[in-house]
Amino acid sequence: MTEILPRLYELIEPFNKKGIALTPSTSFADDLELDSLTVMDLVANIEDEWDINMPLNLLPDLETIGQLDEAVGRLKA
């Protein structure tokens, strides 16, 4: 677990309408049921938080919070 993960949980929580427990294996599509517009809002928040730009072609590969954590870590390095 990186130092990024706890902050990701905080950023994702407002979008967690089902109130499920967030873990690295939580899926954006299956568990959180986020639509594409919601995902773009979340991405904007993440980009602002860490002053990074997430390439749009990267987003389809990020299915879980853990994968997002790794991607943010690589982008901010």
Protein backbone atom coordinates (compact mmCIF):
# COMPACT_ATOMS: atom_id res chain seq x y z
CA MET A 1 0.00 0.00 0.00
CA THR A 2 1.33 3.40 -0.92
CA GLU A 3 0.73 6.76 0.72
CA ILE A 4 -1.56 7.48 -2.24
CA LEU A 5 -4.15 4.84 -1.37
CA PRO A 6 -5.71 6.47 1.74
CA ARG A 7 -6.19 9.74 -0.17
CA LEU A 8 -7.70 7.84 -3.11
CA TYR A 9 -10.24 6.33 -0.72
CA GLU A 10 -11.16 9.85 0.43
CA LEU A 11 -11.55 11.06 -3.16
CA ILE A 12 -13.63 8.03 -4.16
CA GLU A 13 -15.92 8.04 -1.10
CA PRO A 14 -18.30 10.78 -2.41
CA PHE A 15 -18.91 8.58 -5.47
CA ASN A 16 -19.52 5.46 -3.35
CA LYS A 17 -23.33 5.59 -3.49
CA LYS A 18 -23.66 1.95 -2.42
CA GLY A 19 -21.58 2.53 0.72
CA ILE A 20 -19.39 -0.50 0.16
CA ALA A 21 -16.06 -0.98 1.90
CA LEU A 22 -13.26 0.34 -0.31
CA THR A 23 -10.28 -1.95 -0.82
CA PRO A 24 -7.52 -2.17 -3.45
CA SER A 25 -9.58 -4.86 -5.22
CA THR A 26 -12.77 -2.74 -5.37
CA SER A 27 -13.89 -2.48 -9.00
CA PHE A 28 -15.09 0.83 -10.39
CA ALA A 29 -17.56 -0.77 -12.81
CA ASP A 30 -18.74 -3.87 -10.94
CA ASP A 31 -18.60 -2.80 -7.28
CA LEU A 32 -19.08 0.97 -7.39
CA GLU A 33 -21.11 0.96 -10.63
CA LEU A 34 -19.57 4.25 -11.78
CA ASP A 35 -20.69 5.58 -15.15
CA SER A 36 -18.30 7.27 -17.56
CA LEU A 37 -19.26 10.81 -16.49
CA THR A 38 -18.65 9.98 -12.84
CA VAL A 39 -15.30 8.42 -13.72
CA MET A 40 -14.28 11.62 -15.51
CA ASP A 41 -15.23 13.67 -12.42
CA LEU A 42 -13.12 11.35 -10.27
CA VAL A 43 -10.19 11.55 -12.70
CA ALA A 44 -10.35 15.37 -12.63
CA ASN A 45 -10.20 15.29 -8.82
CA ILE A 46 -7.22 12.93 -8.90
CA GLU A 47 -5.39 15.06 -11.46
CA ASP A 48 -5.95 18.16 -9.32
CA GLU A 49 -4.87 16.39 -6.13
CA TRP A 50 -1.50 15.23 -7.46
CA ASP A 51 -0.99 17.74 -10.30
CA ILE A 52 -0.78 15.00 -12.93
CA ASN A 53 -2.43 14.32 -16.29
CA MET A 54 -3.96 10.89 -16.71
CA PRO A 55 -3.88 9.80 -20.36
CA LEU A 56 -7.37 8.82 -21.53
CA ASN A 57 -6.03 5.66 -23.15
CA LEU A 58 -4.89 4.53 -19.69
CA LEU A 59 -8.36 4.68 -18.12
CA PRO A 60 -9.83 1.48 -19.63
CA ASP A 61 -6.98 -0.50 -18.03
CA LEU A 62 -7.74 0.81 -14.54
CA GLU A 63 -10.46 -1.49 -13.27
CA THR A 64 -9.71 -1.46 -9.53
CA ILE A 65 -8.64 1.02 -6.88
CA GLY A 66 -5.34 -0.85 -6.55
CA GLN A 67 -4.61 -0.43 -10.26
CA LEU A 68 -5.45 3.27 -10.00
CA ASP A 69 -3.11 3.56 -7.00
CA GLU A 70 -0.24 2.07 -9.04
CA ALA A 71 -0.98 4.32 -12.03
CA VAL A 72 -1.05 7.50 -9.94
CA GLY A 73 2.22 6.44 -8.31
CA ARG A 74 3.88 6.01 -11.72
CA LEU A 75 2.48 9.30 -13.08
CA LYS A 76 3.57 11.40 -10.11
CA ALA A 77 7.05 9.86 -9.94
